[in-house]
Amino acid sequence: MGVVEKAIWFIESNFNRSPSLDDIARATGISRFSLSRSFTYATGMPVVAYLRARRLTEAYKALRDGAPSILAVALEAGYNSHEGFTRAFRDQFGITPDEARKGHDIDQRLLMESIGMHETVMADLEEPQRKQRDAFTVVGLGGRFRMDGPNTIPGLWQKFQPYEGTLGEVLGYWYGVCGDWKEDFFYMAGVEVARVPADLPAELTVHKFPAQDYLVFRHETHLSELNQTFAAIFGRYIPENGYHPRDCFELYDENFDPQTGLGGIEIWVPATRESGER
């Protein structure tokens, strides 16, 4: 059983006991930081969001079935007050707990049922190459995105296109920088530069990578399946081989065709182990 499957099993066995992220991480044998990234890529949502949605879904079912005490349901779901529970419940389902108990309908797609421990979709990975790179700098257009929201990253690349050719960049390569995973994550569409332009537009972001070793994975299928490769990297390979997930980048070269979504992509992940060893 992989670490993501272990996390799902632990959550499903214990979510009424209000397990913390640290509790779940201990059960899987990896750090909370590694767990957060691994779970998000493998399932499409942060582990804390999954836990919250599962609790609220079971609370909704209890109220729908006529639970006599809203406060008792709130406590069972891990909330210490009627007010906090009502606020979270309304945010999740668009109705109050009292309305749920009175039989008000909700969009069934808002319910979070248990993710089967074998339902996470992961690509088959070839063993990555290990490469070393000197320090380099990427400039580009960045923003924050949700794994469980609409995919608006292609629109970010379109917005960045007018800047290409104006930054003194290294030609023929494009970088998708990924990092700062929380309940959302940072993504930047950019290019490598030898030096940051003095007149860099204020809306562009600078990201510096230090000299380090990388694990380099290949994604050969359509771009729409890239999340499956990321899920396999961060949901299986990285935690199961003792690596520590850090800011990584997608590397596109001139073989990639943005019109067809084909041509192959490299994913460069810093080769740092949980212990700090290389």
C-alpha atoms as a PDB file:
ATOM      1  CA  MET A   1       0.000   0.000   0.000  1.00  0.00           C
ATOM      2  CA  GLY A   2       1.426   3.392  -1.032  1.00  0.00           C
ATOM      3  CA  VAL A   3       1.530   6.465   1.184  1.00  0.00           C
ATOM      4  CA  VAL A   4      -1.567   8.047  -0.389  1.00  0.00           C
ATOM      5  CA  GLU A   5      -3.554   4.850   0.054  1.00  0.00           C
ATOM      6  CA  LYS A   6      -2.343   4.673   3.676  1.00  0.00           C
ATOM      7  CA  ALA A   7      -3.492   8.253   4.231  1.00  0.00           C
ATOM      8  CA  ILE A   8      -6.945   7.516   2.777  1.00  0.00           C
ATOM      9  CA  TRP A   9      -7.276   4.384   4.911  1.00  0.00           C
ATOM     10  CA  PHE A  10      -6.271   6.290   8.067  1.00  0.00           C
ATOM     11  CA  ILE A  11      -8.677   9.154   7.342  1.00  0.00           C
ATOM     12  CA  GLU A  12     -11.588   6.809   6.645  1.00  0.00           C
ATOM     13  CA  SER A  13     -10.852   4.867   9.824  1.00  0.00           C
ATOM     14  CA  ASN A  14     -10.423   7.902  12.056  1.00  0.00           C
ATOM     15  CA  PHE A  15     -12.076  11.034  10.651  1.00  0.00           C
ATOM     16  CA  ASN A  16     -14.677  11.135  13.439  1.00  0.00           C
ATOM     17  CA  ARG A  17     -11.781  11.403  15.908  1.00  0.00           C
ATOM     18  CA  SER A  18     -10.603  14.691  14.362  1.00  0.00           C
ATOM     19  CA  PRO A  19      -7.128  13.539  13.245  1.00  0.00           C
ATOM     20  CA  SER A  20      -4.651  16.319  12.542  1.00  0.00           C
ATOM     21  CA  LEU A  21      -2.352  16.553   9.536  1.00  0.00           C
ATOM     22  CA  ASP A  22       0.474  15.466  11.851  1.00  0.00           C
ATOM     23  CA  ASP A  23      -1.534  12.383  12.871  1.00  0.00           C
ATOM     24  CA  ILE A  24      -2.092  11.411   9.245  1.00  0.00           C
ATOM     25  CA  ALA A  25       1.557  12.031   8.355  1.00  0.00           C
ATOM     26  CA  ARG A  26       2.731   9.803  11.223  1.00  0.00           C
ATOM     27  CA  ALA A  27       0.414   7.048  10.034  1.00  0.00           C
ATOM     28  CA  THR A  28       1.959   7.181   6.561  1.00  0.00           C
ATOM     29  CA  GLY A  29       5.553   7.476   7.741  1.00  0.00           C
ATOM     30  CA  ILE A  30       6.436  10.700   5.916  1.00  0.00           C
ATOM     31  CA  SER A  31       6.534  14.390   6.826  1.00  0.00           C
ATOM     32  CA  ARG A  32       3.358  16.488   6.776  1.00  0.00           C
ATOM     33  CA  PHE A  33       4.934  18.599   4.008  1.00  0.00           C
ATOM     34  CA  SER A  34       5.559  15.541   1.824  1.00  0.00           C
ATOM     35  CA  LEU A  35       2.110  14.168   2.589  1.00  0.00           C
ATOM     36  CA  SER A  36       0.404  17.429   1.624  1.00  0.00           C
ATOM     37  CA  ARG A  37       1.977  17.500  -1.822  1.00  0.00           C
ATOM     38  CA  SER A  38       1.722  13.773  -2.463  1.00  0.00           C
ATOM     39  CA  PHE A  39      -1.963  13.603  -1.521  1.00  0.00           C
ATOM     40  CA  THR A  40      -2.878  16.713  -3.500  1.00  0.00           C
ATOM     41  CA  TYR A  41      -1.308  15.474  -6.721  1.00  0.00           C
ATOM     42  CA  ALA A  42      -2.679  11.956  -6.361  1.00  0.00           C
ATOM     43  CA  THR A  43      -6.276  12.910  -5.546  1.00  0.00           C
ATOM     44  CA  GLY A  44      -6.670  16.428  -6.938  1.00  0.00           C
ATOM     45  CA  MET A  45      -7.389  18.020  -3.567  1.00  0.00           C
ATOM     46  CA  PRO A  46      -5.467  18.863  -0.387  1.00  0.00           C
ATOM     47  CA  VAL A  47      -5.578  16.293   2.400  1.00  0.00           C
ATOM     48  CA  VAL A  48      -7.055  18.814   4.866  1.00  0.00           C
ATOM     49  CA  ALA A  49      -9.796  19.744   2.375  1.00  0.00           C
ATOM     50  CA  TYR A  50     -10.595  16.055   1.815  1.00  0.00           C
ATOM     51  CA  LEU A  51     -10.819  15.413   5.546  1.00  0.00           C
ATOM     52  CA  ARG A  52     -13.081  18.448   6.057  1.00  0.00           C
ATOM     53  CA  ALA A  53     -15.339  17.500   3.135  1.00  0.00           C
ATOM     54  CA  ARG A  54     -15.657  13.903   4.360  1.00  0.00           C
ATOM     55  CA  ARG A  55     -16.648  15.056   7.851  1.00  0.00           C
ATOM     56  CA  LEU A  56     -19.226  17.479   6.492  1.00  0.00           C
ATOM     57  CA  THR A  57     -20.620  14.890   4.084  1.00  0.00           C
ATOM     58  CA  GLU A  58     -21.218  12.409   6.887  1.00  0.00           C
ATOM     59  CA  ALA A  59     -22.715  15.236   8.971  1.00  0.00           C
ATOM     60  CA  TYR A  60     -25.104  16.083   6.127  1.00  0.00           C
ATOM     61  CA  LYS A  61     -26.204  12.444   5.884  1.00  0.00           C
ATOM     62  CA  ALA A  62     -26.857  12.303   9.629  1.00  0.00           C
ATOM     63  CA  LEU A  63     -28.958  15.483   9.518  1.00  0.00           C
ATOM     64  CA  ARG A  64     -30.803  14.363   6.398  1.00  0.00           C
ATOM     65  CA  ASP A  65     -31.688  11.148   8.211  1.00  0.00           C
ATOM     66  CA  GLY A  66     -33.163  13.112  11.124  1.00  0.00           C
ATOM     67  CA  ALA A  67     -30.411  13.450  13.738  1.00  0.00           C
ATOM     68  CA  PRO A  68     -32.104  15.118  16.747  1.00  0.00           C
ATOM     69  CA  SER A  69     -29.225  17.379  17.787  1.00  0.00           C
ATOM     70  CA  ILE A  70     -27.309  19.638  15.415  1.00  0.00           C
ATOM     71  CA  LEU A  71     -24.728  20.331  18.117  1.00  0.00           C
ATOM     72  CA  ALA A  72     -24.096  16.609  18.617  1.00  0.00           C
ATOM     73  CA  VAL A  73     -23.536  16.220  14.873  1.00  0.00           C
ATOM     74  CA  ALA A  74     -21.223  19.233  14.899  1.00  0.00           C
ATOM     75  CA  LEU A  75     -19.141  17.752  17.718  1.00  0.00           C
ATOM     76  CA  GLU A  76     -19.004  14.406  15.922  1.00  0.00           C
ATOM     77  CA  ALA A  77     -17.704  16.220  12.835  1.00  0.00           C
ATOM     78  CA  GLY A  78     -14.941  17.881  14.839  1.00  0.00           C
ATOM     79  CA  TYR A  79     -16.486  21.321  15.375  1.00  0.00           C
ATOM     80  CA  ASN A  80     -16.567  22.849  18.841  1.00  0.00           C
ATOM     81  CA  SER A  81     -19.391  25.310  18.224  1.00  0.00           C
ATOM     82  CA  HIS A  82     -22.737  25.466  16.474  1.00  0.00           C
ATOM     83  CA  GLU A  83     -21.647  28.682  14.731  1.00  0.00           C
ATOM     84  CA  GLY A  84     -18.412  27.289  13.297  1.00  0.00           C
ATOM     85  CA  PHE A  85     -20.170  24.158  12.093  1.00  0.00           C
ATOM     86  CA  THR A  86     -22.998  26.140  10.488  1.00  0.00           C
ATOM     87  CA  ARG A  87     -20.530  28.373   8.657  1.00  0.00           C
ATOM     88  CA  ALA A  88     -18.492  25.447   7.309  1.00  0.00           C
ATOM     89  CA  PHE A  89     -21.646  23.500   6.419  1.00  0.00           C
ATOM     90  CA  ARG A  90     -23.100  26.432   4.470  1.00  0.00           C
ATOM     91  CA  ASP A  91     -19.799  26.987   2.653  1.00  0.00           C
ATOM     92  CA  GLN A  92     -19.755  23.328   1.591  1.00  0.00           C
ATOM     93  CA  PHE A  93     -23.409  22.772   0.670  1.00  0.00           C
ATOM     94  CA  GLY A  94     -25.076  26.182   0.336  1.00  0.00           C
ATOM     95  CA  ILE A  95     -27.662  25.454   3.044  1.00  0.00           C
ATOM     96  CA  THR A  96     -27.645  25.474   6.848  1.00  0.00           C
ATOM     97  CA  PRO A  97     -27.625  22.325   9.007  1.00  0.00           C
ATOM     98  CA  ASP A  98     -31.190  23.090  10.089  1.00  0.00           C
ATOM     99  CA  GLU A  99     -32.307  23.281   6.451  1.00  0.00           C
ATOM    100  CA  ALA A 100     -30.599  19.951   5.763  1.00  0.00           C
ATOM    101  CA  ARG A 101     -32.509  18.369   8.638  1.00  0.00           C
ATOM    102  CA  LYS A 102     -35.748  19.750   7.190  1.00  0.00           C
ATOM    103  CA  GLY A 103     -35.072  17.952   3.912  1.00  0.00           C
ATOM    104  CA  HIS A 104     -33.762  20.746   1.686  1.00  0.00           C
ATOM    105  CA  ASP A 105     -32.091  19.311  -1.389  1.00  0.00           C
ATOM    106  CA  ILE A 106     -28.467  19.968  -2.309  1.00  0.00           C
ATOM    107  CA  ASP A 107     -26.385  19.366  -5.402  1.00  0.00           C
ATOM    108  CA  GLN A 108     -25.234  15.777  -4.873  1.00  0.00           C
ATOM    109  CA  ARG A 109     -21.912  16.622  -6.507  1.00  0.00           C
ATOM    110  CA  LEU A 110     -21.063  18.632  -3.389  1.00  0.00           C
ATOM    111  CA  LEU A 111     -20.912  15.455  -1.327  1.00  0.00           C
ATOM    112  CA  MET A 112     -17.445  13.989  -0.830  1.00  0.00           C
ATOM    113  CA  GLU A 113     -17.704  10.228  -0.735  1.00  0.00           C
ATOM    114  CA  SER A 114     -14.742   8.108   0.269  1.00  0.00           C
ATOM    115  CA  ILE A 115     -12.018   7.920  -2.363  1.00  0.00           C
ATOM    116  CA  GLY A 116     -11.373   4.244  -3.031  1.00  0.00           C
ATOM    117  CA  MET A 117      -7.823   3.306  -2.125  1.00  0.00           C
ATOM    118  CA  HIS A 118      -7.243   2.172  -5.702  1.00  0.00           C
ATOM    119  CA  GLU A 119      -9.126   4.976  -7.464  1.00  0.00           C
ATOM    120  CA  THR A 120      -6.251   7.452  -7.702  1.00  0.00           C
ATOM    121  CA  VAL A 121      -5.134   7.672 -11.332  1.00  0.00           C
ATOM    122  CA  MET A 122      -1.376   7.560 -11.749  1.00  0.00           C
ATOM    123  CA  ALA A 123       0.729   7.201 -14.869  1.00  0.00           C
ATOM    124  CA  ASP A 124       3.297   4.439 -15.265  1.00  0.00           C
ATOM    125  CA  LEU A 125       6.706   5.993 -14.664  1.00  0.00           C
ATOM    126  CA  GLU A 126      10.052   5.088 -16.112  1.00  0.00           C
ATOM    127  CA  GLU A 127      13.006   5.429 -13.761  1.00  0.00           C
ATOM    128  CA  PRO A 128      14.012   9.121 -13.784  1.00  0.00           C
ATOM    129  CA  GLN A 129      17.373  10.393 -14.923  1.00  0.00           C
ATOM    130  CA  ARG A 130      19.523  12.144 -12.353  1.00  0.00           C
ATOM    131  CA  LYS A 131      20.955  15.443 -13.591  1.00  0.00           C
ATOM    132  CA  GLN A 132      22.822  18.364 -12.086  1.00  0.00           C
ATOM    133  CA  ARG A 133      22.145  21.988 -12.976  1.00  0.00           C
ATOM    134  CA  ASP A 134      23.890  25.190 -12.061  1.00  0.00           C
ATOM    135  CA  ALA A 135      21.858  27.998 -10.516  1.00  0.00           C
ATOM    136  CA  PHE A 136      19.482  29.713 -12.941  1.00  0.00           C
ATOM    137  CA  THR A 137      16.672  32.257 -12.971  1.00  0.00           C
ATOM    138  CA  VAL A 138      13.182  32.120 -14.461  1.00  0.00           C
ATOM    139  CA  VAL A 139      10.961  35.148 -14.996  1.00  0.00           C
ATOM    140  CA  GLY A 140       7.322  34.855 -15.885  1.00  0.00           C
ATOM    141  CA  LEU A 141       3.683  35.388 -15.085  1.00  0.00           C
ATOM    142  CA  GLY A 142       2.491  33.619 -11.960  1.00  0.00           C
ATOM    143  CA  GLY A 143      -0.654  32.983  -9.988  1.00  0.00           C
ATOM    144  CA  ARG A 144      -2.257  30.677  -7.455  1.00  0.00           C
ATOM    145  CA  PHE A 145      -4.433  27.762  -8.527  1.00  0.00           C
ATOM    146  CA  ARG A 146      -6.494  25.006  -6.931  1.00  0.00           C
ATOM    147  CA  MET A 147      -6.007  21.344  -7.753  1.00  0.00           C
ATOM    148  CA  ASP A 148      -9.742  20.773  -7.284  1.00  0.00           C
ATOM    149  CA  GLY A 149     -10.821  23.798  -9.335  1.00  0.00           C
ATOM    150  CA  PRO A 150     -11.075  24.508 -13.068  1.00  0.00           C
ATOM    151  CA  ASN A 151      -7.821  24.240 -15.012  1.00  0.00           C
ATOM    152  CA  THR A 152      -6.999  27.851 -15.872  1.00  0.00           C
ATOM    153  CA  ILE A 153      -3.241  27.345 -16.286  1.00  0.00           C
ATOM    154  CA  PRO A 154      -3.495  27.252 -20.128  1.00  0.00           C
ATOM    155  CA  GLY A 155      -4.943  30.767 -19.907  1.00  0.00           C
ATOM    156  CA  LEU A 156      -1.898  31.874 -17.910  1.00  0.00           C
ATOM    157  CA  TRP A 157       0.375  30.695 -20.729  1.00  0.00           C
ATOM    158  CA  GLN A 158      -1.692  32.653 -23.232  1.00  0.00           C
ATOM    159  CA  LYS A 159      -1.358  35.805 -21.128  1.00  0.00           C
ATOM    160  CA  PHE A 160       2.411  35.299 -20.962  1.00  0.00           C
ATOM    161  CA  GLN A 161       2.889  34.969 -24.740  1.00  0.00           C
ATOM    162  CA  PRO A 162       3.150  38.740 -25.453  1.00  0.00           C
ATOM    163  CA  TYR A 163       6.206  38.935 -23.164  1.00  0.00           C
ATOM    164  CA  GLU A 164       8.128  36.252 -25.055  1.00  0.00           C
ATOM    165  CA  GLY A 165      11.040  37.679 -27.009  1.00  0.00           C
ATOM    166  CA  THR A 166      11.178  40.845 -24.885  1.00  0.00           C
ATOM    167  CA  LEU A 167      13.063  39.505 -21.850  1.00  0.00           C
ATOM    168  CA  GLY A 168      16.417  38.494 -23.318  1.00  0.00           C
ATOM    169  CA  GLU A 169      15.544  34.894 -22.556  1.00  0.00           C
ATOM    170  CA  VAL A 170      17.273  31.643 -23.450  1.00  0.00           C
ATOM    171  CA  LEU A 171      15.490  30.695 -26.661  1.00  0.00           C
ATOM    172  CA  GLY A 172      13.743  27.398 -27.275  1.00  0.00           C
ATOM    173  CA  TYR A 173      12.805  26.557 -23.678  1.00  0.00           C
ATOM    174  CA  TRP A 174       9.793  27.356 -21.515  1.00  0.00           C
ATOM    175  CA  TYR A 175       9.324  26.683 -17.801  1.00  0.00           C
ATOM    176  CA  GLY A 176       6.240  25.876 -15.757  1.00  0.00           C
ATOM    177  CA  VAL A 177       7.352  26.493 -12.172  1.00  0.00           C
ATOM    178  CA  CYS A 178       5.288  24.741  -9.475  1.00  0.00           C
ATOM    179  CA  GLY A 179       5.521  25.282  -5.729  1.00  0.00           C
ATOM    180  CA  ASP A 180       4.268  26.592  -2.390  1.00  0.00           C
ATOM    181  CA  TRP A 181       1.624  23.871  -2.032  1.00  0.00           C
ATOM    182  CA  LYS A 182      -1.077  24.644   0.526  1.00  0.00           C
ATOM    183  CA  GLU A 183      -4.790  24.295  -0.184  1.00  0.00           C
ATOM    184  CA  ASP A 184      -3.787  25.848  -3.473  1.00  0.00           C
ATOM    185  CA  PHE A 185      -0.408  26.153  -5.185  1.00  0.00           C
ATOM    186  CA  PHE A 186       1.763  28.626  -7.064  1.00  0.00           C
ATOM    187  CA  TYR A 187       2.356  28.185 -10.794  1.00  0.00           C
ATOM    188  CA  MET A 188       4.409  30.396 -13.089  1.00  0.00           C
ATOM    189  CA  ALA A 189       4.656  30.321 -16.877  1.00  0.00           C
ATOM    190  CA  GLY A 190       8.083  31.658 -17.741  1.00  0.00           C
ATOM    191  CA  VAL A 191      11.444  31.596 -19.473  1.00  0.00           C
ATOM    192  CA  GLU A 192      15.052  31.393 -18.332  1.00  0.00           C
ATOM    193  CA  VAL A 193      17.112  34.589 -18.320  1.00  0.00           C
ATOM    194  CA  ALA A 194      20.827  35.185 -17.807  1.00  0.00           C
ATOM    195  CA  ARG A 195      19.981  38.370 -15.905  1.00  0.00           C
ATOM    196  CA  VAL A 196      16.738  39.949 -14.780  1.00  0.00           C
ATOM    197  CA  PRO A 197      15.867  42.919 -17.031  1.00  0.00           C
ATOM    198  CA  ALA A 198      16.134  46.271 -15.268  1.00  0.00           C
ATOM    199  CA  ASP A 199      12.783  47.266 -16.765  1.00  0.00           C
ATOM    200  CA  LEU A 200      11.004  44.020 -15.872  1.00  0.00           C
ATOM    201  CA  PRO A 201       7.231  44.648 -15.932  1.00  0.00           C
ATOM    202  CA  ALA A 202       5.788  44.811 -12.422  1.00  0.00           C
ATOM    203  CA  GLU A 203       3.316  42.015 -13.104  1.00  0.00           C
ATOM    204  CA  LEU A 204       6.093  39.488 -13.796  1.00  0.00           C
ATOM    205  CA  THR A 205       7.669  37.305 -11.118  1.00  0.00           C
ATOM    206  CA  VAL A 206      11.289  36.222 -10.598  1.00  0.00           C
ATOM    207  CA  HIS A 207      12.073  32.706  -9.367  1.00  0.00           C
ATOM    208  CA  LYS A 208      15.659  31.644  -8.622  1.00  0.00           C
ATOM    209  CA  PHE A 209      16.719  27.992  -8.535  1.00  0.00           C
ATOM    210  CA  PRO A 210      19.978  27.118  -6.738  1.00  0.00           C
ATOM    211  CA  ALA A 211      22.605  24.747  -8.106  1.00  0.00           C
ATOM    212  CA  GLN A 212      21.370  21.253  -7.245  1.00  0.00           C
ATOM    213  CA  ASP A 213      20.746  17.698  -8.378  1.00  0.00           C
ATOM    214  CA  TYR A 214      17.418  16.820  -9.981  1.00  0.00           C
ATOM    215  CA  LEU A 215      15.337  13.772 -10.751  1.00  0.00           C
ATOM    216  CA  VAL A 216      14.144  14.225 -14.341  1.00  0.00           C
ATOM    217  CA  PHE A 217      10.924  12.472 -15.353  1.00  0.00           C
ATOM    218  CA  ARG A 218       9.451  12.285 -18.865  1.00  0.00           C
ATOM    219  CA  HIS A 219       5.801  12.820 -19.756  1.00  0.00           C
ATOM    220  CA  GLU A 220       5.192  11.573 -23.302  1.00  0.00           C
ATOM    221  CA  THR A 221       1.406  11.517 -23.651  1.00  0.00           C
ATOM    222  CA  HIS A 222      -1.058  14.375 -24.156  1.00  0.00           C
ATOM    223  CA  LEU A 223      -0.723  17.456 -21.956  1.00  0.00           C
ATOM    224  CA  SER A 224      -4.210  16.824 -20.520  1.00  0.00           C
ATOM    225  CA  GLU A 225      -2.787  13.721 -18.791  1.00  0.00           C
ATOM    226  CA  LEU A 226       0.077  15.598 -17.114  1.00  0.00           C
ATOM    227  CA  ASN A 227      -1.639  15.459 -13.709  1.00  0.00           C
ATOM    228  CA  GLN A 228      -1.464  11.656 -13.849  1.00  0.00           C
ATOM    229  CA  THR A 229       2.310  11.869 -14.226  1.00  0.00           C
ATOM    230  CA  PHE A 230       2.549  14.379 -11.379  1.00  0.00           C
ATOM    231  CA  ALA A 231       0.355  12.092  -9.269  1.00  0.00           C
ATOM    232  CA  ALA A 232       2.721   9.176  -9.879  1.00  0.00           C
ATOM    233  CA  ILE A 233       5.787  11.313  -9.141  1.00  0.00           C
ATOM    234  CA  PHE A 234       4.538  12.951  -5.944  1.00  0.00           C
ATOM    235  CA  GLY A 235       2.008  10.366  -4.842  1.00  0.00           C
ATOM    236  CA  ARG A 236       4.242   7.349  -5.293  1.00  0.00           C
ATOM    237  CA  TYR A 237       7.856   7.787  -6.425  1.00  0.00           C
ATOM    238  CA  ILE A 238       8.946  10.734  -4.258  1.00  0.00           C
ATOM    239  CA  PRO A 239       7.558   9.546  -0.881  1.00  0.00           C
ATOM    240  CA  GLU A 240       8.269   5.861  -1.454  1.00  0.00           C
ATOM    241  CA  ASN A 241      11.915   6.572  -2.269  1.00  0.00           C
ATOM    242  CA  GLY A 242      12.457   8.894   0.672  1.00  0.00           C
ATOM    243  CA  TYR A 243      12.697  12.179  -1.242  1.00  0.00           C
ATOM    244  CA  HIS A 244      11.475  15.533   0.041  1.00  0.00           C
ATOM    245  CA  PRO A 245       9.166  17.371  -2.414  1.00  0.00           C
ATOM    246  CA  ARG A 246      10.260  20.913  -3.196  1.00  0.00           C
ATOM    247  CA  ASP A 247       9.558  23.519  -5.863  1.00  0.00           C
ATOM    248  CA  CYS A 248       9.893  21.825  -9.238  1.00  0.00           C
ATOM    249  CA  PHE A 249       9.437  22.805 -12.861  1.00  0.00           C
ATOM    250  CA  GLU A 250       8.059  21.533 -16.143  1.00  0.00           C
ATOM    251  CA  LEU A 251      10.497  22.008 -19.024  1.00  0.00           C
ATOM    252  CA  TYR A 252       9.099  22.451 -22.527  1.00  0.00           C
ATOM    253  CA  ASP A 253      11.357  22.603 -25.581  1.00  0.00           C
ATOM    254  CA  GLU A 254      10.761  23.199 -29.283  1.00  0.00           C
ATOM    255  CA  ASN A 255       9.545  19.622 -29.756  1.00  0.00           C
ATOM    256  CA  PHE A 256       6.433  20.432 -27.740  1.00  0.00           C
ATOM    257  CA  ASP A 257       3.484  21.639 -29.814  1.00  0.00           C
ATOM    258  CA  PRO A 258       1.102  23.803 -27.752  1.00  0.00           C
ATOM    259  CA  GLN A 259      -1.548  23.459 -30.467  1.00  0.00           C
ATOM    260  CA  THR A 260      -1.755  19.667 -30.188  1.00  0.00           C
ATOM    261  CA  GLY A 261      -0.559  19.245 -26.590  1.00  0.00           C
ATOM    262  CA  LEU A 262       1.972  16.652 -27.773  1.00  0.00           C
ATOM    263  CA  GLY A 263       5.736  16.497 -28.026  1.00  0.00           C
ATOM    264  CA  GLY A 264       6.869  15.480 -24.564  1.00  0.00           C
ATOM    265  CA  ILE A 265       7.623  17.352 -21.351  1.00  0.00           C
ATOM    266  CA  GLU A 266      10.290  16.944 -18.693  1.00  0.00           C
ATOM    267  CA  ILE A 267       9.490  17.355 -15.002  1.00  0.00           C
ATOM    268  CA  TRP A 268      12.535  18.349 -12.941  1.00  0.00           C
ATOM    269  CA  VAL A 269      12.252  17.627  -9.217  1.00  0.00           C
ATOM    270  CA  PRO A 270      15.049  18.509  -6.742  1.00  0.00           C
ATOM    271  CA  ALA A 271      16.666  15.270  -5.548  1.00  0.00           C
ATOM    272  CA  THR A 272      16.621  16.015  -1.830  1.00  0.00           C
ATOM    273  CA  ARG A 273      15.827  13.223   0.593  1.00  0.00           C
ATOM    274  CA  GLU A 274      13.718  13.629   3.729  1.00  0.00           C
ATOM    275  CA  SER A 275      16.909  13.517   5.813  1.00  0.00           C
ATOM    276  CA  GLY A 276      18.444  16.332   3.749  1.00  0.00           C
ATOM    277  CA  GLU A 277      20.779  13.934   1.927  1.00  0.00           C
ATOM    278  CA  ARG A 278      21.250  14.199  -1.811  1.00  0.00           C
END
